[in-house]
Protein backbone atom coordinates (compact mmCIF):
# COMPACT_ATOMS: atom_id res chain seq x y z
CA MET A 1 -0.06 0.08 0.15
CA ASN A 2 3.13 2.39 0.87
CA VAL A 3 4.66 1.83 -2.29
CA TRP A 4 1.10 2.34 -4.70
CA LYS A 5 0.67 5.86 -2.58
CA TRP A 6 4.22 6.94 -3.30
CA TRP A 7 3.91 6.09 -7.02
CA CYS A 8 1.01 8.03 -6.92
CA GLY A 9 2.18 10.79 -5.51
CA ALA A 10 5.21 10.46 -7.78
CA ALA A 11 3.23 9.79 -10.76
CA LEU A 12 0.90 13.10 -9.61
CA ALA A 13 3.99 15.35 -9.35
CA SER A 14 5.42 14.61 -12.80
CA VAL A 15 2.00 15.45 -14.35
CA LEU A 16 1.86 18.86 -12.26
CA LEU A 17 5.65 19.43 -13.34
CA ALA A 18 4.76 18.51 -16.92
CA GLY A 19 1.92 20.97 -16.85
CA ALA A 20 4.05 23.73 -15.53
CA ALA A 21 6.35 23.18 -18.18
CA ALA A 22 4.44 23.19 -21.14
CA HIS A 23 2.76 26.77 -19.86
CA ALA A 24 6.42 28.03 -19.17
CA TYR A 25 7.31 30.56 -22.16
CA GLU A 26 10.15 32.93 -23.24
CA ILE A 27 10.22 36.58 -23.95
CA THR A 28 13.02 38.20 -26.19
CA ASP A 29 13.46 41.57 -25.21
CA ASP A 30 15.12 44.60 -27.40
CA ALA A 31 18.36 44.06 -26.37
CA GLY A 32 18.48 40.28 -27.67
CA ARG A 33 18.21 38.69 -24.03
CA THR A 34 15.97 35.70 -23.70
CA THR A 35 14.53 35.60 -20.30
CA ARG A 36 12.07 32.20 -19.39
CA PHE A 37 8.97 32.81 -17.50
CA GLU A 38 7.34 29.80 -15.42
CA ARG A 39 4.46 31.90 -14.86
CA PRO A 40 2.60 34.93 -15.65
CA PRO A 41 4.85 37.91 -13.59
CA MET A 42 2.22 39.02 -11.06
CA ARG A 43 4.58 41.60 -9.31
CA ILE A 44 5.72 44.40 -12.04
CA VAL A 45 8.51 46.85 -11.33
CA SER A 46 7.98 49.27 -14.70
CA LEU A 47 10.66 51.94 -14.59
CA LEU A 48 9.40 53.52 -18.34
CA PRO A 49 6.25 55.41 -18.68
CA SER A 50 5.41 53.92 -22.00
CA LEU A 51 5.46 50.62 -20.86
CA THR A 52 3.72 51.64 -17.36
CA GLU A 53 0.83 52.66 -19.60
CA THR A 54 0.91 49.88 -21.87
CA VAL A 55 0.41 47.58 -18.94
CA CYS A 56 -2.58 49.12 -17.42
CA ALA A 57 -4.14 49.40 -20.91
CA LEU A 58 -3.78 45.42 -20.97
CA LYS A 59 -5.59 45.56 -18.17
CA ALA A 60 -3.13 44.55 -15.97
CA CYS A 61 -2.04 47.70 -13.81
CA ASP A 62 -2.98 45.73 -10.70
CA ARG A 63 0.18 43.78 -11.10
CA LEU A 64 2.40 46.74 -10.92
CA VAL A 65 3.90 47.36 -7.49
CA GLY A 66 6.69 50.03 -8.03
CA VAL A 67 7.43 53.00 -11.10
CA ASP A 68 9.59 55.49 -12.30
CA ARG A 69 9.40 58.56 -10.83
CA TYR A 70 7.61 59.88 -14.26
CA SER A 71 5.03 57.49 -14.61
CA ASN A 72 1.83 59.26 -13.97
CA TRP A 73 -0.83 57.90 -15.76
CA PRO A 74 -3.46 56.26 -15.39
CA GLU A 75 -4.31 57.82 -12.37
CA ALA A 76 -3.76 54.63 -10.42
CA VAL A 77 -0.02 54.48 -10.62
CA ARG A 78 0.52 57.48 -8.63
CA ALA A 79 -0.37 55.90 -5.44
CA LEU A 80 2.56 53.13 -6.09
CA PRO A 81 5.94 53.04 -4.71
CA GLN A 82 8.80 55.11 -6.93
CA VAL A 83 12.22 54.12 -7.00
CA GLY A 84 13.96 56.79 -8.82
CA GLY A 85 14.42 57.58 -12.49
CA GLY A 86 14.54 54.80 -15.49
CA LEU A 87 17.51 55.62 -16.17
CA ASP A 88 19.36 55.49 -12.41
CA PRO A 89 16.60 53.90 -10.33
CA GLY A 90 17.25 52.98 -6.69
CA ILE A 91 18.37 49.16 -6.82
CA GLU A 92 17.92 48.36 -3.23
CA ALA A 93 14.39 50.01 -3.71
CA VAL A 94 13.87 47.63 -6.62
CA VAL A 95 14.82 44.42 -5.07
CA ALA A 96 12.77 45.19 -1.82
CA LEU A 97 9.61 45.15 -4.11
CA LYS A 98 10.67 41.56 -4.94
CA PRO A 99 9.46 41.89 -8.48
CA ASP A 100 8.59 38.80 -10.96
CA VAL A 101 10.17 41.31 -13.82
CA VAL A 102 11.65 44.15 -14.06
CA LEU A 103 10.56 46.32 -16.92
CA LEU A 104 12.76 49.37 -18.48
CA ALA A 105 14.51 51.26 -21.34
CA SER A 106 17.35 49.56 -23.67
CA SER A 107 19.18 52.54 -22.44
CA SER A 108 19.04 52.04 -18.51
CA ARG A 109 22.13 51.66 -16.93
CA ALA A 110 20.46 49.50 -14.01
CA SER A 111 19.63 46.46 -15.98
CA VAL A 112 23.20 44.68 -15.51
CA ARG A 113 23.10 45.40 -11.81
CA LEU A 114 19.79 43.95 -11.71
CA ARG A 115 20.09 40.67 -13.37
CA GLU A 116 23.34 40.36 -11.02
CA LEU A 117 20.90 40.48 -8.11
CA GLY A 118 18.54 37.68 -9.64
CA LEU A 119 16.26 39.85 -10.73
CA LYS A 120 14.52 39.17 -14.55
CA VAL A 121 14.79 42.24 -16.48
CA LEU A 122 12.99 42.89 -19.93
CA ALA A 123 14.65 46.31 -22.03
CA LEU A 124 11.96 47.63 -23.99
CA GLU A 125 12.23 51.14 -25.55
CA PRO A 126 9.57 51.94 -28.30
CA LYS A 127 10.77 54.62 -30.12
CA THR A 128 8.68 54.49 -33.53
CA ARG A 129 5.41 53.11 -34.18
CA ALA A 130 6.90 49.91 -35.27
CA ALA A 131 8.40 49.73 -32.06
CA MET A 132 5.36 50.78 -30.17
CA ARG A 133 3.74 47.97 -31.86
CA ARG A 134 6.08 45.58 -31.17
CA THR A 135 6.20 46.47 -27.40
CA THR A 136 2.31 46.10 -26.81
CA VAL A 137 2.45 42.44 -28.27
CA LEU A 138 5.40 41.68 -26.55
CA LEU A 139 3.73 42.57 -23.07
CA GLY A 140 0.76 40.94 -24.02
CA GLU A 141 2.89 37.84 -24.06
CA LEU A 142 4.81 38.69 -20.84
CA LEU A 143 1.27 39.01 -19.10
CA GLN A 144 -0.67 36.15 -20.70
CA VAL A 145 -3.45 38.19 -21.65
CA ASP A 146 -5.58 38.82 -24.37
CA GLY A 147 -5.93 42.35 -25.69
CA ALA A 148 -2.88 43.66 -27.66
CA ASP A 149 -4.24 43.24 -30.65
CA ARG A 150 -7.54 45.15 -30.26
CA LEU A 151 -5.76 47.83 -28.28
CA LEU A 152 -3.35 48.03 -31.57
CA GLN A 153 -6.49 48.53 -33.47
CA GLU A 154 -8.23 51.21 -31.67
CA ILE A 155 -4.86 53.18 -31.61
CA ASP A 156 -4.58 53.13 -35.43
CA ALA A 157 -8.28 54.08 -35.88
CA GLY A 158 -7.73 56.65 -33.42
CA VAL A 159 -4.86 58.08 -35.76
CA ARG A 160 -6.90 57.89 -38.98
CA GLN A 161 -9.83 59.54 -37.62
CA ALA A 162 -7.65 62.57 -36.37
CA ALA A 163 -5.83 62.73 -39.63
CA HIS A 164 -9.72 63.00 -41.08
CA ARG A 165 -9.72 66.17 -39.28
CA VAL A 166 -6.78 67.67 -40.77
CA PRO A 167 -7.90 70.12 -43.66
CA ALA A 168 -6.82 69.30 -46.79
CA ALA A 169 -5.43 73.23 -46.88
CA ALA A 170 -3.01 72.37 -43.95
CA ARG A 171 -1.38 69.05 -45.96
CA GLY A 172 2.42 69.55 -46.47
CA GLN A 173 2.86 72.19 -43.62
CA ARG A 174 6.78 71.96 -42.70
CA VAL A 175 6.41 71.40 -38.51
CA TYR A 176 9.00 72.07 -36.14
CA TYR A 177 8.56 69.87 -33.01
CA GLU A 178 10.74 70.96 -29.91
CA ILE A 179 10.94 68.39 -27.13
CA THR A 180 13.43 70.80 -24.71
CA PRO A 181 14.56 74.36 -25.26
CA GLU A 182 18.51 73.72 -25.90
CA PRO A 183 16.78 73.68 -28.62
CA ARG A 184 16.13 69.81 -29.10
CA ALA A 185 14.07 68.24 -31.54
CA ALA A 186 12.17 65.45 -32.75
CA GLY A 187 13.87 64.47 -35.82
CA ARG A 188 13.10 62.16 -38.92
CA GLY A 189 12.15 58.59 -38.05
CA THR A 190 10.71 58.91 -34.46
CA PHE A 191 7.20 58.20 -33.84
CA ILE A 192 6.44 62.13 -33.48
CA ASP A 193 7.78 62.34 -37.22
CA GLU A 194 5.78 59.07 -38.08
CA LEU A 195 2.33 60.97 -36.50
CA MET A 196 3.20 64.41 -38.49
CA GLN A 197 3.33 62.18 -41.94
CA ALA A 198 0.43 60.39 -40.66
CA LEU A 199 -1.48 63.67 -40.24
CA GLY A 200 -0.36 64.68 -43.95
CA LEU A 201 2.32 67.41 -41.96
CA VAL A 202 6.22 67.53 -42.83
CA ASN A 203 8.63 67.38 -40.53
CA ALA A 204 11.36 70.38 -41.17
CA MET A 205 14.12 68.65 -39.67
CA ASP A 206 16.66 66.67 -42.37
CA ALA A 207 16.86 63.53 -42.26
CA ASP A 208 20.28 63.19 -41.36
CA LEU A 209 20.20 65.03 -37.96
CA GLY A 210 19.27 61.68 -36.23
CA LEU A 211 16.20 61.03 -33.62
CA TYR A 212 16.61 63.70 -31.43
CA PRO A 213 19.14 66.40 -32.22
CA ARG A 214 20.40 69.22 -30.37
CA ILE A 215 20.34 71.87 -33.11
CA ASN A 216 21.95 75.19 -33.74
CA PRO A 217 18.68 77.86 -33.07
CA GLU A 218 20.01 79.11 -36.41
CA LEU A 219 18.58 75.58 -37.93
CA VAL A 220 15.47 76.60 -37.14
CA VAL A 221 15.64 80.22 -38.59
CA ARG A 222 17.09 79.04 -42.23
CA LEU A 223 14.52 76.47 -42.09
CA ASP A 224 11.69 78.89 -41.33
CA PRO A 225 8.63 76.11 -40.48
CA ASP A 226 5.00 76.58 -40.90
CA LEU A 227 3.78 75.75 -37.95
CA ILE A 228 5.75 75.29 -34.46
CA MET A 229 4.65 72.80 -31.92
CA ALA A 230 6.47 73.25 -28.07
CA SER A 231 6.15 73.70 -24.64
CA GLU A 232 3.85 76.20 -23.15
CA GLN A 233 6.93 77.69 -21.58
CA GLY A 234 9.22 77.29 -24.54
CA GLY A 235 7.03 78.74 -27.02
CA ALA A 236 6.43 81.79 -25.01
CA ASP A 237 10.47 82.42 -24.77
CA MET A 238 11.10 81.68 -28.38
CA ALA A 239 10.36 85.06 -29.74
CA ARG A 240 13.34 86.58 -27.38
CA ARG A 241 15.37 83.79 -28.72
CA PRO A 242 18.38 85.49 -31.40
CA GLY A 243 16.85 85.94 -35.10
CA TRP A 244 13.75 84.03 -34.20
CA GLY A 245 11.80 86.73 -34.33
CA ARG A 246 12.03 86.75 -38.61
CA LEU A 247 10.07 83.34 -38.26
CA ARG A 248 7.20 83.22 -40.30
CA ALA A 249 5.57 80.99 -37.65
CA LEU A 250 6.12 83.45 -35.09
CA ARG A 251 5.09 86.38 -36.92
CA LEU A 252 1.89 84.78 -38.42
CA GLY A 253 1.44 83.31 -34.23
CA ARG A 254 1.19 79.78 -35.49
CA VAL A 255 2.95 78.31 -32.57
CA CYS A 256 0.90 75.44 -30.53
CA GLY A 257 2.28 75.59 -26.74
CA PHE A 258 1.39 72.34 -25.43
CA ASN A 259 1.01 72.09 -21.34
CA SER A 260 2.57 69.10 -19.25
CA ALA A 261 -0.31 66.76 -18.70
CA GLU A 262 -0.64 67.20 -22.94
CA ARG A 263 3.20 66.99 -23.29
CA ASP A 264 3.43 63.74 -21.50
CA ILE A 265 1.02 62.54 -24.06
CA LEU A 266 2.87 63.81 -26.84
CA VAL A 267 6.30 62.45 -26.08
CA ARG A 268 5.15 58.78 -24.89
CA PRO A 269 5.05 56.06 -27.52
CA GLY A 270 2.20 53.88 -26.10
CA PRO A 271 -1.25 53.23 -25.77
CA ARG A 272 -2.25 57.16 -26.07
CA MET A 273 -0.53 57.74 -29.37
CA ALA A 274 -4.13 58.02 -30.52
CA GLU A 275 -4.88 60.94 -28.33
CA ALA A 276 -1.37 61.97 -29.45
CA ALA A 277 -2.35 62.42 -32.88
CA TRP A 278 -5.50 64.42 -31.98
CA LEU A 279 -3.36 67.04 -29.94
CA MET A 280 -1.50 67.46 -32.94
CA ALA A 281 -4.67 67.72 -35.36
CA ASP A 282 -6.55 70.17 -33.11
CA CYS A 283 -3.22 72.68 -32.91
CA VAL A 284 -3.05 72.68 -37.16
CA ILE A 285 -6.73 73.07 -37.35
CA ARG A 286 -6.35 75.91 -34.83
CA GLU A 287 -3.49 77.63 -36.13
CA ASN A 288 -4.83 77.43 -39.44
CA ALA A 289 -8.34 79.02 -38.73
CA SER A 290 -6.58 81.44 -36.84
CA GLU A 291 -5.10 83.48 -40.16
CA LYS A 292 -8.86 83.27 -41.43
């Protein structure tokens, strides 16, 4: 009888182990590292706002146990422990949260140390619409949830709707999008540039300048864009920059200044990308209407 019980117990354990192994899966991140998961992670630390937002958009916000200091949407994440900046988080603070996985940018310096401490880490940094799509699908696989494809379809539909609102007369206008007032611009190949294209606009930056180039202010004067998009403060200060008073966009008042909440939407390639397209479309409509 004891032998029979032992055999049954061993057989049951083998079945359970086989089932667990069958459900194990692997995720390969943007750094080319493959991580194995025996089960979906239930304790997640996210160190990049766009990744935080995507996790929540996939209805897994309740699995987040910590975020970086810049993750502020949706409202629920504001109550979570903050572990510092995404590039240089507090390592001890992250470890103390006992995460099943840490999500961070590919450029973060923390990934090596976190892995050395035995944590599972996925490095993801969507900088283009294609990368955002790939990241969304990958996070759906990581979380083992449905909804990634539906979310992407909703984003695409929202971008198309925003594009339909842009008047034909505004298409082809050249836009200077200022990221920070050094000045640093959104260059060709960024998701901001791709949104411009989707709306029928043209990025004023030259293609060879890189993704987010820090540029000589005189370059903007030479480019003389039709429309400027920037922060509220940046837009208000532009007329005081040497030579910028000659810019046609400034003379005509064709400058859209976005507040901090709007800028968060505009610079994060994640589930609110359709909202970013609508903000840009509204800017174009408003500034073109102001000339009439």
